[in-house]
């Protein structure tokens, strides 16, 4: 009887080892900088044209600590929700990721974090207005907050994607953190970091006075300027 060896992500997976390693790095970095702890949050990356010509995604597994996670633990899923590769269950918020990818073809990566100051403002139901340059450059505008709702189903995902819209790169889930998107994983992670830093400064500045809010369309970026 012939035994078929399991797929090796380094050779024949739809998700390259480099993509998996970048996801793992961002997972561990999210804990190091205080965006997540324990098994909170999740990350995914779009894999264009890898599912019989259609897109798929690779996403972190459910209930695995980041310090114990390996590149082989990640799960490849079609945009129709079909698990294509992986021995573990995908993140419970897979349906939400899929809805965001379906609405926004420009989105190539998603980072969900549960950082402290985003959650403070989310618990208050407050929109996160841009008061720092990085926030307005990466998030592209004010980040709206959804009312609290359980977040593991497609209906929630559609409402989340609708509230985020097509121009802004993040949305706050009330009492449950942030979902950030980007044209690359590097940029999606920068959005998550920028929104958390901005949330802290906005909260502190609001306690001291009236903060100056930045508007993306009003910023005159000099020609040739390199963004942070």
C-alpha atoms as a PDB file:
ATOM      1  CA  UNK A   1       0.000   0.000   0.000  1.00  0.00           C
ATOM      2  CA  UNK A   2       1.412   3.372  -1.013  1.00  0.00           C
ATOM      3  CA  UNK A   3       1.485   6.126   1.612  1.00  0.00           C
ATOM      4  CA  UNK A   4       1.113   9.685   0.373  1.00  0.00           C
ATOM      5  CA  UNK A   5       3.275  12.141   2.273  1.00  0.00           C
ATOM      6  CA  UNK A   6       1.490  15.251   3.641  1.00  0.00           C
ATOM      7  CA  UNK A   7       1.825  18.462   1.668  1.00  0.00           C
ATOM      8  CA  UNK A   8       4.940  20.415   2.541  1.00  0.00           C
ATOM      9  CA  UNK A   9       4.374  24.208   2.590  1.00  0.00           C
ATOM     10  CA  UNK A  10       7.972  24.733   1.527  1.00  0.00           C
ATOM     11  CA  UNK A  11       7.432  23.016  -1.808  1.00  0.00           C
ATOM     12  CA  UNK A  12       3.859  22.498  -2.971  1.00  0.00           C
ATOM     13  CA  UNK A  13       1.574  24.638  -0.833  1.00  0.00           C
ATOM     14  CA  UNK A  14      -0.469  27.437  -2.334  1.00  0.00           C
ATOM     15  CA  UNK A  15       1.043  29.602   0.429  1.00  0.00           C
ATOM     16  CA  UNK A  16       4.807  29.975   0.135  1.00  0.00           C
ATOM     17  CA  UNK A  17       7.070  29.522   3.119  1.00  0.00           C
ATOM     18  CA  UNK A  18       7.980  33.229   2.880  1.00  0.00           C
ATOM     19  CA  UNK A  19       4.314  34.244   3.242  1.00  0.00           C
ATOM     20  CA  UNK A  20       3.843  31.896   6.177  1.00  0.00           C
ATOM     21  CA  UNK A  21       6.984  33.180   7.881  1.00  0.00           C
ATOM     22  CA  UNK A  22       5.843  36.792   7.477  1.00  0.00           C
ATOM     23  CA  UNK A  23       2.499  35.937   9.054  1.00  0.00           C
ATOM     24  CA  UNK A  24       4.218  34.177  11.960  1.00  0.00           C
ATOM     25  CA  UNK A  25       6.554  37.145  12.447  1.00  0.00           C
ATOM     26  CA  UNK A  26       3.606  39.570  12.576  1.00  0.00           C
ATOM     27  CA  UNK A  27       1.735  37.313  15.007  1.00  0.00           C
ATOM     28  CA  UNK A  28       4.657  37.294  17.418  1.00  0.00           C
ATOM     29  CA  UNK A  29       5.367  40.977  16.879  1.00  0.00           C
ATOM     30  CA  UNK A  30       1.730  41.781  17.697  1.00  0.00           C
ATOM     31  CA  UNK A  31       2.264  40.232  21.134  1.00  0.00           C
ATOM     32  CA  UNK A  32       5.641  41.926  21.619  1.00  0.00           C
ATOM     33  CA  UNK A  33       4.241  45.425  20.954  1.00  0.00           C
ATOM     34  CA  UNK A  34       1.051  44.875  22.957  1.00  0.00           C
ATOM     35  CA  UNK A  35      -1.509  44.525  20.171  1.00  0.00           C
ATOM     36  CA  UNK A  36      -2.493  41.008  21.275  1.00  0.00           C
ATOM     37  CA  UNK A  37      -1.887  38.477  24.028  1.00  0.00           C
ATOM     38  CA  UNK A  38      -2.473  34.768  24.565  1.00  0.00           C
ATOM     39  CA  UNK A  39      -4.330  33.540  21.426  1.00  0.00           C
ATOM     40  CA  UNK A  40      -6.120  36.796  20.634  1.00  0.00           C
ATOM     41  CA  UNK A  41      -6.357  38.201  17.137  1.00  0.00           C
ATOM     42  CA  UNK A  42      -5.724  36.603  13.762  1.00  0.00           C
ATOM     43  CA  UNK A  43      -3.961  37.312  10.473  1.00  0.00           C
ATOM     44  CA  UNK A  44      -4.597  36.316   6.868  1.00  0.00           C
ATOM     45  CA  UNK A  45      -3.074  36.974   3.447  1.00  0.00           C
ATOM     46  CA  UNK A  46      -4.708  36.710   0.014  1.00  0.00           C
ATOM     47  CA  UNK A  47      -3.276  34.135  -2.406  1.00  0.00           C
ATOM     48  CA  UNK A  48      -4.313  35.391  -5.867  1.00  0.00           C
ATOM     49  CA  UNK A  49      -5.404  32.797  -8.405  1.00  0.00           C
ATOM     50  CA  UNK A  50      -4.268  29.767  -6.418  1.00  0.00           C
ATOM     51  CA  UNK A  51      -7.637  27.962  -6.125  1.00  0.00           C
ATOM     52  CA  UNK A  52      -8.355  26.740  -9.680  1.00  0.00           C
ATOM     53  CA  UNK A  53      -7.755  30.256 -10.935  1.00  0.00           C
ATOM     54  CA  UNK A  54      -9.714  31.909  -8.114  1.00  0.00           C
ATOM     55  CA  UNK A  55      -8.228  33.524  -5.027  1.00  0.00           C
ATOM     56  CA  UNK A  56      -7.629  31.786  -1.726  1.00  0.00           C
ATOM     57  CA  UNK A  57      -6.268  32.976   1.615  1.00  0.00           C
ATOM     58  CA  UNK A  58      -3.885  31.609   4.209  1.00  0.00           C
ATOM     59  CA  UNK A  59      -5.024  32.292   7.770  1.00  0.00           C
ATOM     60  CA  UNK A  60      -3.830  31.595  11.284  1.00  0.00           C
ATOM     61  CA  UNK A  61      -5.333  28.575  13.059  1.00  0.00           C
ATOM     62  CA  UNK A  62      -7.824  28.721  15.896  1.00  0.00           C
ATOM     63  CA  UNK A  63      -6.691  28.587  19.521  1.00  0.00           C
ATOM     64  CA  UNK A  64      -2.945  28.246  19.003  1.00  0.00           C
ATOM     65  CA  UNK A  65      -0.564  30.429  21.044  1.00  0.00           C
ATOM     66  CA  UNK A  66       1.695  32.505  18.840  1.00  0.00           C
ATOM     67  CA  UNK A  67       4.817  31.389  20.666  1.00  0.00           C
ATOM     68  CA  UNK A  68       3.885  27.778  19.905  1.00  0.00           C
ATOM     69  CA  UNK A  69       2.693  28.330  16.331  1.00  0.00           C
ATOM     70  CA  UNK A  70       4.684  27.100  13.341  1.00  0.00           C
ATOM     71  CA  UNK A  71       4.504  27.908   9.641  1.00  0.00           C
ATOM     72  CA  UNK A  72       2.959  24.464   9.077  1.00  0.00           C
ATOM     73  CA  UNK A  73      -0.003  25.282  11.362  1.00  0.00           C
ATOM     74  CA  UNK A  74      -1.556  27.855   9.035  1.00  0.00           C
ATOM     75  CA  UNK A  75      -4.641  26.985   7.023  1.00  0.00           C
ATOM     76  CA  UNK A  76      -5.313  27.695   3.350  1.00  0.00           C
ATOM     77  CA  UNK A  77      -8.962  28.396   2.531  1.00  0.00           C
ATOM     78  CA  UNK A  78     -10.782  29.296  -0.677  1.00  0.00           C
ATOM     79  CA  UNK A  79     -12.860  32.472  -0.783  1.00  0.00           C
ATOM     80  CA  UNK A  80     -15.879  30.149  -0.841  1.00  0.00           C
ATOM     81  CA  UNK A  81     -14.863  28.898   2.613  1.00  0.00           C
ATOM     82  CA  UNK A  82     -13.462  25.528   1.477  1.00  0.00           C
ATOM     83  CA  UNK A  83     -10.460  24.402   3.510  1.00  0.00           C
ATOM     84  CA  UNK A  84      -7.789  23.510   0.963  1.00  0.00           C
ATOM     85  CA  UNK A  85      -4.755  22.832   3.154  1.00  0.00           C
ATOM     86  CA  UNK A  86      -4.039  22.399   6.835  1.00  0.00           C
ATOM     87  CA  UNK A  87      -4.608  19.988   9.692  1.00  0.00           C
ATOM     88  CA  UNK A  88      -5.934  22.556  12.185  1.00  0.00           C
ATOM     89  CA  UNK A  89      -9.145  24.555  12.282  1.00  0.00           C
ATOM     90  CA  UNK A  90      -8.880  28.037  10.751  1.00  0.00           C
ATOM     91  CA  UNK A  91      -9.510  31.095  12.913  1.00  0.00           C
ATOM     92  CA  UNK A  92     -13.097  31.347  14.131  1.00  0.00           C
ATOM     93  CA  UNK A  93     -13.271  34.729  12.412  1.00  0.00           C
ATOM     94  CA  UNK A  94     -12.556  33.228   8.993  1.00  0.00           C
ATOM     95  CA  UNK A  95     -16.047  34.227   7.691  1.00  0.00           C
ATOM     96  CA  UNK A  96     -15.316  37.858   8.586  1.00  0.00           C
ATOM     97  CA  UNK A  97     -11.998  37.836   6.752  1.00  0.00           C
ATOM     98  CA  UNK A  98     -13.658  36.323   3.684  1.00  0.00           C
ATOM     99  CA  UNK A  99     -16.336  39.020   3.556  1.00  0.00           C
ATOM    100  CA  UNK A 100     -13.700  41.764   3.658  1.00  0.00           C
ATOM    101  CA  UNK A 101     -11.718  40.128   0.858  1.00  0.00           C
ATOM    102  CA  UNK A 102     -14.859  39.723  -1.236  1.00  0.00           C
ATOM    103  CA  UNK A 103     -15.819  43.388  -0.861  1.00  0.00           C
ATOM    104  CA  UNK A 104     -12.348  44.840  -1.355  1.00  0.00           C
ATOM    105  CA  UNK A 105     -10.277  43.332  -4.203  1.00  0.00           C
ATOM    106  CA  UNK A 106      -7.490  45.755  -3.245  1.00  0.00           C
ATOM    107  CA  UNK A 107      -7.122  44.134   0.176  1.00  0.00           C
ATOM    108  CA  UNK A 108      -4.250  41.648   0.202  1.00  0.00           C
ATOM    109  CA  UNK A 109      -3.910  41.118   3.959  1.00  0.00           C
ATOM    110  CA  UNK A 110      -5.960  41.428   7.147  1.00  0.00           C
ATOM    111  CA  UNK A 111      -4.768  41.874  10.731  1.00  0.00           C
ATOM    112  CA  UNK A 112      -7.198  41.600  13.659  1.00  0.00           C
ATOM    113  CA  UNK A 113      -5.850  42.868  16.989  1.00  0.00           C
ATOM    114  CA  UNK A 114      -7.287  43.428  20.461  1.00  0.00           C
ATOM    115  CA  UNK A 115      -5.125  46.263  21.714  1.00  0.00           C
ATOM    116  CA  UNK A 116      -5.868  48.281  24.845  1.00  0.00           C
ATOM    117  CA  UNK A 117      -6.539  51.843  23.694  1.00  0.00           C
ATOM    118  CA  UNK A 118      -8.518  50.791  20.622  1.00  0.00           C
ATOM    119  CA  UNK A 119     -10.646  48.732  23.003  1.00  0.00           C
ATOM    120  CA  UNK A 120     -11.051  51.653  25.411  1.00  0.00           C
ATOM    121  CA  UNK A 121     -12.540  53.802  22.656  1.00  0.00           C
ATOM    122  CA  UNK A 122     -14.430  50.826  21.238  1.00  0.00           C
ATOM    123  CA  UNK A 123     -16.018  50.174  24.643  1.00  0.00           C
ATOM    124  CA  UNK A 124     -17.108  53.823  24.651  1.00  0.00           C
ATOM    125  CA  UNK A 125     -18.519  53.462  21.145  1.00  0.00           C
ATOM    126  CA  UNK A 126     -16.292  56.296  19.944  1.00  0.00           C
ATOM    127  CA  UNK A 127     -14.938  56.812  16.465  1.00  0.00           C
ATOM    128  CA  UNK A 128     -11.153  57.009  16.309  1.00  0.00           C
ATOM    129  CA  UNK A 129     -10.315  60.286  14.600  1.00  0.00           C
ATOM    130  CA  UNK A 130      -6.815  60.736  13.144  1.00  0.00           C
ATOM    131  CA  UNK A 131      -4.643  62.977  15.314  1.00  0.00           C
ATOM    132  CA  UNK A 132      -1.295  61.504  14.254  1.00  0.00           C
ATOM    133  CA  UNK A 133       0.302  61.544  10.806  1.00  0.00           C
ATOM    134  CA  UNK A 134       0.880  57.773  10.651  1.00  0.00           C
ATOM    135  CA  UNK A 135      -2.780  57.127  11.395  1.00  0.00           C
ATOM    136  CA  UNK A 136      -4.084  59.355   8.616  1.00  0.00           C
ATOM    137  CA  UNK A 137      -1.489  58.090   6.125  1.00  0.00           C
ATOM    138  CA  UNK A 138      -2.119  54.401   6.758  1.00  0.00           C
ATOM    139  CA  UNK A 139      -5.755  54.194   7.873  1.00  0.00           C
ATOM    140  CA  UNK A 140      -6.696  56.988   5.399  1.00  0.00           C
ATOM    141  CA  UNK A 141      -9.357  58.499   7.644  1.00  0.00           C
ATOM    142  CA  UNK A 142     -11.446  58.191  10.796  1.00  0.00           C
ATOM    143  CA  UNK A 143     -12.052  54.626  11.966  1.00  0.00           C
ATOM    144  CA  UNK A 144     -15.669  53.882  12.815  1.00  0.00           C
ATOM    145  CA  UNK A 145     -16.820  51.657  15.686  1.00  0.00           C
ATOM    146  CA  UNK A 146     -19.430  48.921  15.321  1.00  0.00           C
ATOM    147  CA  UNK A 147     -21.793  48.184  18.193  1.00  0.00           C
ATOM    148  CA  UNK A 148     -20.843  45.008  20.046  1.00  0.00           C
ATOM    149  CA  UNK A 149     -21.876  41.803  18.325  1.00  0.00           C
ATOM    150  CA  UNK A 150     -20.523  38.258  18.201  1.00  0.00           C
ATOM    151  CA  UNK A 151     -17.993  38.223  15.392  1.00  0.00           C
ATOM    152  CA  UNK A 152     -17.693  34.740  13.915  1.00  0.00           C
ATOM    153  CA  UNK A 153     -20.265  34.794  11.131  1.00  0.00           C
ATOM    154  CA  UNK A 154     -20.583  36.130   7.605  1.00  0.00           C
ATOM    155  CA  UNK A 155     -23.424  38.542   8.434  1.00  0.00           C
ATOM    156  CA  UNK A 156     -21.188  40.289  10.941  1.00  0.00           C
ATOM    157  CA  UNK A 157     -18.400  40.272   8.355  1.00  0.00           C
ATOM    158  CA  UNK A 158     -20.587  41.975   5.762  1.00  0.00           C
ATOM    159  CA  UNK A 159     -21.612  44.678   8.228  1.00  0.00           C
ATOM    160  CA  UNK A 160     -17.985  45.144   9.266  1.00  0.00           C
ATOM    161  CA  UNK A 161     -16.870  45.483   5.638  1.00  0.00           C
ATOM    162  CA  UNK A 162     -19.724  47.868   4.864  1.00  0.00           C
ATOM    163  CA  UNK A 163     -18.899  50.125   7.810  1.00  0.00           C
ATOM    164  CA  UNK A 164     -15.210  50.185   6.878  1.00  0.00           C
ATOM    165  CA  UNK A 165     -16.135  51.050   3.310  1.00  0.00           C
ATOM    166  CA  UNK A 166     -13.801  51.270   0.348  1.00  0.00           C
ATOM    167  CA  UNK A 167     -11.614  54.227   1.308  1.00  0.00           C
ATOM    168  CA  UNK A 168     -10.581  53.590   4.931  1.00  0.00           C
ATOM    169  CA  UNK A 169      -8.336  50.715   6.033  1.00  0.00           C
ATOM    170  CA  UNK A 170      -9.663  49.808   9.481  1.00  0.00           C
ATOM    171  CA  UNK A 171     -12.790  49.325  11.557  1.00  0.00           C
ATOM    172  CA  UNK A 172     -13.255  48.926  15.322  1.00  0.00           C
ATOM    173  CA  UNK A 173     -15.445  46.138  16.651  1.00  0.00           C
ATOM    174  CA  UNK A 174     -17.090  47.495  19.795  1.00  0.00           C
ATOM    175  CA  UNK A 175     -15.677  45.761  22.901  1.00  0.00           C
ATOM    176  CA  UNK A 176     -13.564  43.487  20.688  1.00  0.00           C
ATOM    177  CA  UNK A 177     -10.659  45.186  18.972  1.00  0.00           C
ATOM    178  CA  UNK A 178      -9.654  46.268  15.492  1.00  0.00           C
ATOM    179  CA  UNK A 179      -9.660  44.852  11.985  1.00  0.00           C
ATOM    180  CA  UNK A 180      -7.020  46.436   9.730  1.00  0.00           C
ATOM    181  CA  UNK A 181      -6.451  45.826   6.028  1.00  0.00           C
ATOM    182  CA  UNK A 182      -3.719  46.650   3.544  1.00  0.00           C
ATOM    183  CA  UNK A 183      -2.355  46.055   0.077  1.00  0.00           C
ATOM    184  CA  UNK A 184       0.317  43.947   1.801  1.00  0.00           C
ATOM    185  CA  UNK A 185       0.722  42.328   5.199  1.00  0.00           C
ATOM    186  CA  UNK A 186       3.408  44.867   6.034  1.00  0.00           C
ATOM    187  CA  UNK A 187       0.953  47.728   5.428  1.00  0.00           C
ATOM    188  CA  UNK A 188      -1.962  46.049   7.219  1.00  0.00           C
ATOM    189  CA  UNK A 189       0.235  45.577  10.277  1.00  0.00           C
ATOM    190  CA  UNK A 190       1.325  49.235  10.084  1.00  0.00           C
ATOM    191  CA  UNK A 191      -2.349  50.229  10.064  1.00  0.00           C
ATOM    192  CA  UNK A 192      -2.997  48.234  13.238  1.00  0.00           C
ATOM    193  CA  UNK A 193       0.032  49.758  14.995  1.00  0.00           C
ATOM    194  CA  UNK A 194      -0.826  53.289  13.855  1.00  0.00           C
ATOM    195  CA  UNK A 195      -4.465  53.093  14.969  1.00  0.00           C
ATOM    196  CA  UNK A 196      -3.513  51.825  18.434  1.00  0.00           C
ATOM    197  CA  UNK A 197      -0.906  54.564  18.923  1.00  0.00           C
ATOM    198  CA  UNK A 198      -3.392  57.144  17.658  1.00  0.00           C
ATOM    199  CA  UNK A 199      -6.122  55.831  19.980  1.00  0.00           C
ATOM    200  CA  UNK A 200      -3.879  56.367  22.998  1.00  0.00           C
ATOM    201  CA  UNK A 201      -2.894  59.894  21.956  1.00  0.00           C
ATOM    202  CA  UNK A 202      -6.506  60.782  21.083  1.00  0.00           C
ATOM    203  CA  UNK A 203      -7.736  59.597  24.477  1.00  0.00           C
ATOM    204  CA  UNK A 204      -5.051  61.500  26.376  1.00  0.00           C
ATOM    205  CA  UNK A 205      -5.351  64.635  24.237  1.00  0.00           C
ATOM    206  CA  UNK A 206      -9.134  64.662  24.619  1.00  0.00           C
ATOM    207  CA  UNK A 207      -8.731  64.612  28.403  1.00  0.00           C
ATOM    208  CA  UNK A 208      -6.437  67.655  28.212  1.00  0.00           C
ATOM    209  CA  UNK A 209      -8.271  69.709  25.603  1.00  0.00           C
ATOM    210  CA  UNK A 210      -9.515  69.602  22.039  1.00  0.00           C
ATOM    211  CA  UNK A 211      -7.135  67.683  19.767  1.00  0.00           C
ATOM    212  CA  UNK A 212      -6.395  68.791  16.221  1.00  0.00           C
ATOM    213  CA  UNK A 213      -7.904  66.205  13.873  1.00  0.00           C
ATOM    214  CA  UNK A 214      -6.142  65.489  10.586  1.00  0.00           C
ATOM    215  CA  UNK A 215      -7.976  65.010   7.288  1.00  0.00           C
ATOM    216  CA  UNK A 216      -6.286  62.808   4.695  1.00  0.00           C
ATOM    217  CA  UNK A 217      -7.474  64.826   1.683  1.00  0.00           C
ATOM    218  CA  UNK A 218      -6.178  68.060   3.242  1.00  0.00           C
ATOM    219  CA  UNK A 219      -2.621  66.807   3.653  1.00  0.00           C
ATOM    220  CA  UNK A 220      -0.270  68.153   1.018  1.00  0.00           C
ATOM    221  CA  UNK A 221       2.351  65.462   0.557  1.00  0.00           C
ATOM    222  CA  UNK A 222       5.377  66.978  -1.231  1.00  0.00           C
ATOM    223  CA  UNK A 223       6.248  65.359  -4.539  1.00  0.00           C
ATOM    224  CA  UNK A 224       8.871  62.685  -4.032  1.00  0.00           C
ATOM    225  CA  UNK A 225       8.318  62.520  -0.291  1.00  0.00           C
ATOM    226  CA  UNK A 226       8.892  59.087   1.229  1.00  0.00           C
ATOM    227  CA  UNK A 227       6.088  58.038   3.540  1.00  0.00           C
ATOM    228  CA  UNK A 228       7.003  56.806   7.049  1.00  0.00           C
END
